[in-house]
Amino acid sequence: MTSHDAEISGMTTHRIEALTDGIFAVTMTLLVLNLKLPQGGGEGLDADLIDLITGQSHVFSNYAKSFLLAAIFWIIHHQQSSVIKRTDRNHTWLNIIILMFVSLIPFSTSLVNDYHDDWMASVFFGMNMFILGSLFYLNWDYATRNHRLVALNLDPRRIAIGKRRSAVTPIVSLIAMALVFVDVSISSFAYLLIPVILFHPTFRYDPSAPEKK
């Protein structure tokens, strides 16, 4: 069977991409609902408002962190989908499981907001990120192994860099969860390593770069 025949016989990814965009849109929108200030007093309203906002700084930082991580997951999914030409039953179910954990991001974020000094809440959030990152790695590995769901002429460097990029989030999540037992507040900043690492040229595919021998 030729690659063209395989593409025709395989299921397309359009429905997966549509569902994924919808789930990510809802998830990223729900994150803003965590930004709720407690009721302030009547007198000295300006002073109370400043105290209320500064007192909820961890909520705003968690919102920014979760929104950024959700955006990174969406970008990774978009990059993977751009070269995955078809799907099958296993790949479809793998993506559904991915979306199940994407939908969990608002809850795990609210848990960290409400129990920001509790290590269990931070570990729960970290596990959410670790599982998601691992699933994205499995998604890419499954699709590209023996060129199962991708074009036969797909650049091997792109496959390797895709695996490298997908491995960043689960590794950083493990580091963040380990730091929880040192200092809960410090562990949250570990996730900033993800965009920094992914921005490095080593984790970015450049088709014009010469192939290393």
C-alpha atoms as a PDB file:
ATOM      1  CA  MET A   1       0.000   0.000   0.000  1.00  0.00           C
ATOM      2  CA  THR A   2       1.384   3.416  -0.916  1.00  0.00           C
ATOM      3  CA  SER A   3       1.428   6.351   1.488  1.00  0.00           C
ATOM      4  CA  HIS A   4      -1.303   7.986  -0.605  1.00  0.00           C
ATOM      5  CA  ASP A   5      -3.516   4.921  -0.285  1.00  0.00           C
ATOM      6  CA  ALA A   6      -2.858   4.839   3.465  1.00  0.00           C
ATOM      7  CA  GLU A   7      -3.963   8.453   3.820  1.00  0.00           C
ATOM      8  CA  ILE A   8      -7.203   7.721   1.998  1.00  0.00           C
ATOM      9  CA  SER A   9      -7.975   4.599   4.039  1.00  0.00           C
ATOM     10  CA  GLY A  10      -7.131   6.265   7.367  1.00  0.00           C
ATOM     11  CA  MET A  11      -9.481   8.533   9.287  1.00  0.00           C
ATOM     12  CA  THR A  12      -8.813  12.243   9.011  1.00  0.00           C
ATOM     13  CA  THR A  13      -7.794  14.390  11.980  1.00  0.00           C
ATOM     14  CA  HIS A  14     -10.209  17.268  11.301  1.00  0.00           C
ATOM     15  CA  ARG A  15     -12.738  16.281  13.964  1.00  0.00           C
ATOM     16  CA  ILE A  16      -9.989  15.809  16.565  1.00  0.00           C
ATOM     17  CA  GLU A  17      -8.556  19.255  15.792  1.00  0.00           C
ATOM     18  CA  ALA A  18     -11.995  20.894  16.008  1.00  0.00           C
ATOM     19  CA  LEU A  19     -12.773  19.237  19.351  1.00  0.00           C
ATOM     20  CA  THR A  20      -9.311  20.101  20.675  1.00  0.00           C
ATOM     21  CA  ASP A  21      -9.634  23.787  19.783  1.00  0.00           C
ATOM     22  CA  GLY A  22     -13.017  23.902  21.502  1.00  0.00           C
ATOM     23  CA  ILE A  23     -11.809  22.212  24.686  1.00  0.00           C
ATOM     24  CA  PHE A  24      -8.744  24.463  24.916  1.00  0.00           C
ATOM     25  CA  ALA A  25     -10.877  27.577  24.340  1.00  0.00           C
ATOM     26  CA  VAL A  26     -13.266  26.622  27.144  1.00  0.00           C
ATOM     27  CA  THR A  27     -10.433  25.587  29.475  1.00  0.00           C
ATOM     28  CA  MET A  28      -8.483  28.823  29.004  1.00  0.00           C
ATOM     29  CA  THR A  29     -11.657  30.865  29.470  1.00  0.00           C
ATOM     30  CA  LEU A  30     -12.621  29.029  32.669  1.00  0.00           C
ATOM     31  CA  LEU A  31      -9.262  29.905  34.200  1.00  0.00           C
ATOM     32  CA  VAL A  32     -10.283  33.552  34.509  1.00  0.00           C
ATOM     33  CA  LEU A  33     -13.222  32.530  36.721  1.00  0.00           C
ATOM     34  CA  ASN A  34     -10.687  31.753  39.443  1.00  0.00           C
ATOM     35  CA  LEU A  35      -9.969  35.489  39.717  1.00  0.00           C
ATOM     36  CA  LYS A  36     -12.425  36.279  42.494  1.00  0.00           C
ATOM     37  CA  LEU A  37     -11.739  38.791  45.219  1.00  0.00           C
ATOM     38  CA  PRO A  38     -13.246  38.346  48.694  1.00  0.00           C
ATOM     39  CA  GLN A  39     -15.695  40.984  49.872  1.00  0.00           C
ATOM     40  CA  GLY A  40     -14.004  44.155  51.156  1.00  0.00           C
ATOM     41  CA  GLY A  41     -15.148  46.591  53.809  1.00  0.00           C
ATOM     42  CA  GLY A  42     -17.195  49.709  53.219  1.00  0.00           C
ATOM     43  CA  GLU A  43     -14.928  52.330  54.732  1.00  0.00           C
ATOM     44  CA  GLY A  44     -11.493  53.001  53.304  1.00  0.00           C
ATOM     45  CA  LEU A  45     -12.549  51.254  50.109  1.00  0.00           C
ATOM     46  CA  ASP A  46      -9.434  52.255  48.147  1.00  0.00           C
ATOM     47  CA  ALA A  47      -7.102  50.900  50.809  1.00  0.00           C
ATOM     48  CA  ASP A  48      -9.171  47.732  51.144  1.00  0.00           C
ATOM     49  CA  LEU A  49      -9.101  47.144  47.400  1.00  0.00           C
ATOM     50  CA  ILE A  50      -5.312  47.430  47.288  1.00  0.00           C
ATOM     51  CA  ASP A  51      -5.024  44.988  50.192  1.00  0.00           C
ATOM     52  CA  LEU A  52      -7.473  42.597  48.552  1.00  0.00           C
ATOM     53  CA  ILE A  53      -5.621  42.616  45.237  1.00  0.00           C
ATOM     54  CA  THR A  54      -2.157  42.242  46.748  1.00  0.00           C
ATOM     55  CA  GLY A  55      -3.504  39.556  49.067  1.00  0.00           C
ATOM     56  CA  GLN A  56      -4.618  37.578  46.011  1.00  0.00           C
ATOM     57  CA  SER A  57      -1.317  37.877  44.150  1.00  0.00           C
ATOM     58  CA  HIS A  58      -0.887  34.098  44.189  1.00  0.00           C
ATOM     59  CA  VAL A  59      -4.238  33.743  42.412  1.00  0.00           C
ATOM     60  CA  PHE A  60      -3.162  36.067  39.600  1.00  0.00           C
ATOM     61  CA  SER A  61       0.222  34.340  39.264  1.00  0.00           C
ATOM     62  CA  ASN A  62      -1.439  30.910  39.150  1.00  0.00           C
ATOM     63  CA  TYR A  63      -3.834  32.175  36.493  1.00  0.00           C
ATOM     64  CA  ALA A  64      -0.944  33.448  34.356  1.00  0.00           C
ATOM     65  CA  LYS A  65       1.014  30.229  34.895  1.00  0.00           C
ATOM     66  CA  SER A  66      -1.885  27.940  33.983  1.00  0.00           C
ATOM     67  CA  PHE A  67      -2.923  30.043  30.997  1.00  0.00           C
ATOM     68  CA  LEU A  68       0.651  30.001  29.683  1.00  0.00           C
ATOM     69  CA  LEU A  69       0.965  26.240  30.179  1.00  0.00           C
ATOM     70  CA  ALA A  70      -2.385  25.632  28.465  1.00  0.00           C
ATOM     71  CA  ALA A  71      -1.213  27.795  25.561  1.00  0.00           C
ATOM     72  CA  ILE A  72       2.014  25.774  25.327  1.00  0.00           C
ATOM     73  CA  PHE A  73       0.034  22.527  25.242  1.00  0.00           C
ATOM     74  CA  TRP A  74      -2.187  23.949  22.494  1.00  0.00           C
ATOM     75  CA  ILE A  75       0.867  25.017  20.469  1.00  0.00           C
ATOM     76  CA  ILE A  76       2.429  21.561  20.845  1.00  0.00           C
ATOM     77  CA  HIS A  77      -0.829  19.929  19.744  1.00  0.00           C
ATOM     78  CA  HIS A  78      -1.040  22.319  16.796  1.00  0.00           C
ATOM     79  CA  GLN A  79       2.555  21.517  15.782  1.00  0.00           C
ATOM     80  CA  GLN A  80       1.918  17.792  16.056  1.00  0.00           C
ATOM     81  CA  SER A  81      -1.351  17.992  14.141  1.00  0.00           C
ATOM     82  CA  SER A  82       0.296  19.903  11.294  1.00  0.00           C
ATOM     83  CA  VAL A  83       2.286  16.783  10.325  1.00  0.00           C
ATOM     84  CA  ILE A  84      -0.069  14.012  11.488  1.00  0.00           C
ATOM     85  CA  LYS A  85      -1.941  13.223   8.276  1.00  0.00           C
ATOM     86  CA  ARG A  86      -4.433  10.666   9.522  1.00  0.00           C
ATOM     87  CA  THR A  87      -5.657   8.976  12.679  1.00  0.00           C
ATOM     88  CA  ASP A  88      -6.810   5.592  13.893  1.00  0.00           C
ATOM     89  CA  ARG A  89      -8.749   4.208  16.845  1.00  0.00           C
ATOM     90  CA  ASN A  90      -5.805   4.256  19.273  1.00  0.00           C
ATOM     91  CA  HIS A  91      -4.717   7.750  18.283  1.00  0.00           C
ATOM     92  CA  THR A  92      -8.274   9.045  18.596  1.00  0.00           C
ATOM     93  CA  TRP A  93      -8.692   7.659  22.105  1.00  0.00           C
ATOM     94  CA  LEU A  94      -5.273   8.944  23.118  1.00  0.00           C
ATOM     95  CA  ASN A  95      -6.349  12.451  22.113  1.00  0.00           C
ATOM     96  CA  ILE A  96      -9.619  12.104  24.015  1.00  0.00           C
ATOM     97  CA  ILE A  97      -7.658  11.181  27.164  1.00  0.00           C
ATOM     98  CA  ILE A  98      -5.407  14.201  26.552  1.00  0.00           C
ATOM     99  CA  LEU A  99      -8.462  16.456  26.430  1.00  0.00           C
ATOM    100  CA  MET A 100      -9.769  14.921  29.657  1.00  0.00           C
ATOM    101  CA  PHE A 101      -6.662  16.148  31.472  1.00  0.00           C
ATOM    102  CA  VAL A 102      -6.715  19.485  29.633  1.00  0.00           C
ATOM    103  CA  SER A 103     -10.217  20.013  31.026  1.00  0.00           C
ATOM    104  CA  LEU A 104      -8.825  19.338  34.515  1.00  0.00           C
ATOM    105  CA  ILE A 105      -6.471  22.355  34.394  1.00  0.00           C
ATOM    106  CA  PRO A 106      -9.026  24.882  35.791  1.00  0.00           C
ATOM    107  CA  PHE A 107      -9.796  22.585  38.736  1.00  0.00           C
ATOM    108  CA  SER A 108      -6.147  21.877  39.558  1.00  0.00           C
ATOM    109  CA  THR A 109      -5.477  25.620  39.336  1.00  0.00           C
ATOM    110  CA  SER A 110      -8.350  26.460  41.691  1.00  0.00           C
ATOM    111  CA  LEU A 111      -7.048  23.811  44.093  1.00  0.00           C
ATOM    112  CA  VAL A 112      -3.658  25.534  44.218  1.00  0.00           C
ATOM    113  CA  ASN A 113      -5.409  28.897  44.680  1.00  0.00           C
ATOM    114  CA  ASP A 114      -7.471  27.702  47.635  1.00  0.00           C
ATOM    115  CA  TYR A 115      -4.702  25.678  49.273  1.00  0.00           C
ATOM    116  CA  HIS A 116      -1.586  27.516  48.109  1.00  0.00           C
ATOM    117  CA  ASP A 117       0.351  26.524  51.245  1.00  0.00           C
ATOM    118  CA  ASP A 118      -0.607  22.850  51.021  1.00  0.00           C
ATOM    119  CA  TRP A 119       1.930  20.607  49.302  1.00  0.00           C
ATOM    120  CA  MET A 120      -0.771  18.167  48.214  1.00  0.00           C
ATOM    121  CA  ALA A 121      -2.466  20.834  46.066  1.00  0.00           C
ATOM    122  CA  SER A 122       0.838  21.645  44.342  1.00  0.00           C
ATOM    123  CA  VAL A 123       1.552  17.963  43.761  1.00  0.00           C
ATOM    124  CA  PHE A 124      -1.939  17.503  42.293  1.00  0.00           C
ATOM    125  CA  PHE A 125      -1.303  20.374  39.875  1.00  0.00           C
ATOM    126  CA  GLY A 126       2.131  18.962  39.054  1.00  0.00           C
ATOM    127  CA  MET A 127       0.664  15.527  38.350  1.00  0.00           C
ATOM    128  CA  ASN A 128      -1.864  17.139  36.009  1.00  0.00           C
ATOM    129  CA  MET A 129       1.001  18.759  34.075  1.00  0.00           C
ATOM    130  CA  PHE A 130       3.155  15.611  34.190  1.00  0.00           C
ATOM    131  CA  ILE A 131       0.388  13.370  32.846  1.00  0.00           C
ATOM    132  CA  LEU A 132      -0.494  15.873  30.120  1.00  0.00           C
ATOM    133  CA  GLY A 133       3.112  16.263  29.051  1.00  0.00           C
ATOM    134  CA  SER A 134       3.606  12.493  29.017  1.00  0.00           C
ATOM    135  CA  LEU A 135       0.455  11.983  26.951  1.00  0.00           C
ATOM    136  CA  PHE A 136       1.635  14.514  24.378  1.00  0.00           C
ATOM    137  CA  TYR A 137       4.941  12.635  24.175  1.00  0.00           C
ATOM    138  CA  LEU A 138       3.085   9.345  23.677  1.00  0.00           C
ATOM    139  CA  ASN A 139       0.841  10.983  21.069  1.00  0.00           C
ATOM    140  CA  TRP A 140       3.854  12.085  19.017  1.00  0.00           C
ATOM    141  CA  ASP A 141       5.735   8.815  19.501  1.00  0.00           C
ATOM    142  CA  TYR A 142       2.714   6.757  18.448  1.00  0.00           C
ATOM    143  CA  ALA A 143       2.033   8.834  15.347  1.00  0.00           C
ATOM    144  CA  THR A 144       5.643   8.953  14.142  1.00  0.00           C
ATOM    145  CA  ARG A 145       6.822   5.445  15.034  1.00  0.00           C
ATOM    146  CA  ASN A 146       7.470   3.706  11.708  1.00  0.00           C
ATOM    147  CA  HIS A 147       5.731   6.744  10.163  1.00  0.00           C
ATOM    148  CA  ARG A 148       2.419   5.255  11.279  1.00  0.00           C
ATOM    149  CA  LEU A 149       0.329   8.428  10.897  1.00  0.00           C
ATOM    150  CA  VAL A 150       2.747  10.812   9.202  1.00  0.00           C
ATOM    151  CA  ALA A 151       4.234  11.152   5.738  1.00  0.00           C
ATOM    152  CA  LEU A 152       6.964   8.671   4.867  1.00  0.00           C
ATOM    153  CA  ASN A 153       9.305  11.514   3.887  1.00  0.00           C
ATOM    154  CA  LEU A 154       8.937  13.388   7.188  1.00  0.00           C
ATOM    155  CA  ASP A 155      12.338  14.730   8.257  1.00  0.00           C
ATOM    156  CA  PRO A 156      13.773  12.472  11.022  1.00  0.00           C
ATOM    157  CA  ARG A 157      15.148  15.618  12.692  1.00  0.00           C
ATOM    158  CA  ARG A 158      11.615  16.931  13.074  1.00  0.00           C
ATOM    159  CA  ILE A 159      10.540  13.681  14.694  1.00  0.00           C
ATOM    160  CA  ALA A 160      13.476  13.795  17.114  1.00  0.00           C
ATOM    161  CA  ILE A 161      12.935  17.463  18.012  1.00  0.00           C
ATOM    162  CA  GLY A 162       9.222  16.792  18.497  1.00  0.00           C
ATOM    163  CA  LYS A 163      10.052  14.108  21.056  1.00  0.00           C
ATOM    164  CA  ARG A 164      12.554  16.427  22.708  1.00  0.00           C
ATOM    165  CA  ARG A 165       9.966  19.220  22.983  1.00  0.00           C
ATOM    166  CA  SER A 166       7.296  16.873  24.310  1.00  0.00           C
ATOM    167  CA  ALA A 167       9.627  15.591  27.037  1.00  0.00           C
ATOM    168  CA  VAL A 168      10.244  19.062  28.510  1.00  0.00           C
ATOM    169  CA  THR A 169       6.948  19.465  30.377  1.00  0.00           C
ATOM    170  CA  PRO A 170       6.913  16.090  32.203  1.00  0.00           C
ATOM    171  CA  ILE A 171      10.556  16.522  33.246  1.00  0.00           C
ATOM    172  CA  VAL A 172      10.006  20.071  34.540  1.00  0.00           C
ATOM    173  CA  SER A 173       6.814  18.914  36.304  1.00  0.00           C
ATOM    174  CA  LEU A 174       8.795  16.259  38.167  1.00  0.00           C
ATOM    175  CA  ILE A 175      11.303  18.921  39.212  1.00  0.00           C
ATOM    176  CA  ALA A 176       8.478  21.196  40.380  1.00  0.00           C
ATOM    177  CA  MET A 177       6.897  18.408  42.422  1.00  0.00           C
ATOM    178  CA  ALA A 178      10.245  17.611  44.023  1.00  0.00           C
ATOM    179  CA  LEU A 179      10.695  21.282  44.950  1.00  0.00           C
ATOM    180  CA  VAL A 180       7.326  21.213  46.721  1.00  0.00           C
ATOM    181  CA  PHE A 181       9.004  19.400  49.597  1.00  0.00           C
ATOM    182  CA  VAL A 182      11.632  22.136  49.790  1.00  0.00           C
ATOM    183  CA  ASP A 183       9.412  25.212  49.397  1.00  0.00           C
ATOM    184  CA  VAL A 184       5.892  25.247  47.950  1.00  0.00           C
ATOM    185  CA  SER A 185       6.204  28.810  46.629  1.00  0.00           C
ATOM    186  CA  ILE A 186       9.490  28.088  44.858  1.00  0.00           C
ATOM    187  CA  SER A 187       8.079  25.023  43.104  1.00  0.00           C
ATOM    188  CA  SER A 188       5.568  27.179  41.251  1.00  0.00           C
ATOM    189  CA  PHE A 189       8.331  29.148  39.545  1.00  0.00           C
ATOM    190  CA  ALA A 190       9.878  25.961  38.149  1.00  0.00           C
ATOM    191  CA  TYR A 191       7.200  25.888  35.441  1.00  0.00           C
ATOM    192  CA  LEU A 192       8.713  29.061  33.971  1.00  0.00           C
ATOM    193  CA  LEU A 193      11.530  26.819  32.771  1.00  0.00           C
ATOM    194  CA  ILE A 194       9.200  25.270  30.189  1.00  0.00           C
ATOM    195  CA  PRO A 195       8.834  28.290  27.833  1.00  0.00           C
ATOM    196  CA  VAL A 196      12.486  29.213  28.407  1.00  0.00           C
ATOM    197  CA  ILE A 197      13.697  25.735  27.397  1.00  0.00           C
ATOM    198  CA  LEU A 198      11.312  25.447  24.444  1.00  0.00           C
ATOM    199  CA  PHE A 199      12.561  28.796  23.133  1.00  0.00           C
ATOM    200  CA  HIS A 200      16.114  27.458  22.919  1.00  0.00           C
ATOM    201  CA  PRO A 201      17.220  26.574  19.336  1.00  0.00           C
ATOM    202  CA  THR A 202      17.926  22.993  20.421  1.00  0.00           C
ATOM    203  CA  PHE A 203      14.187  22.471  20.861  1.00  0.00           C
ATOM    204  CA  ARG A 204      13.089  24.261  17.681  1.00  0.00           C
ATOM    205  CA  TYR A 205      12.936  22.709  14.230  1.00  0.00           C
ATOM    206  CA  ASP A 206      14.651  24.631  11.454  1.00  0.00           C
ATOM    207  CA  PRO A 207      14.205  22.919   8.066  1.00  0.00           C
ATOM    208  CA  SER A 208      16.950  25.061   6.553  1.00  0.00           C
ATOM    209  CA  ALA A 209      19.551  23.978   9.117  1.00  0.00           C
ATOM    210  CA  PRO A 210      22.162  21.539   7.799  1.00  0.00           C
ATOM    211  CA  GLU A 211      21.743  17.965   8.946  1.00  0.00           C
ATOM    212  CA  LYS A 212      24.305  16.834  11.507  1.00  0.00           C
ATOM    213  CA  LYS A 213      26.314  13.741  10.634  1.00  0.00           C
END
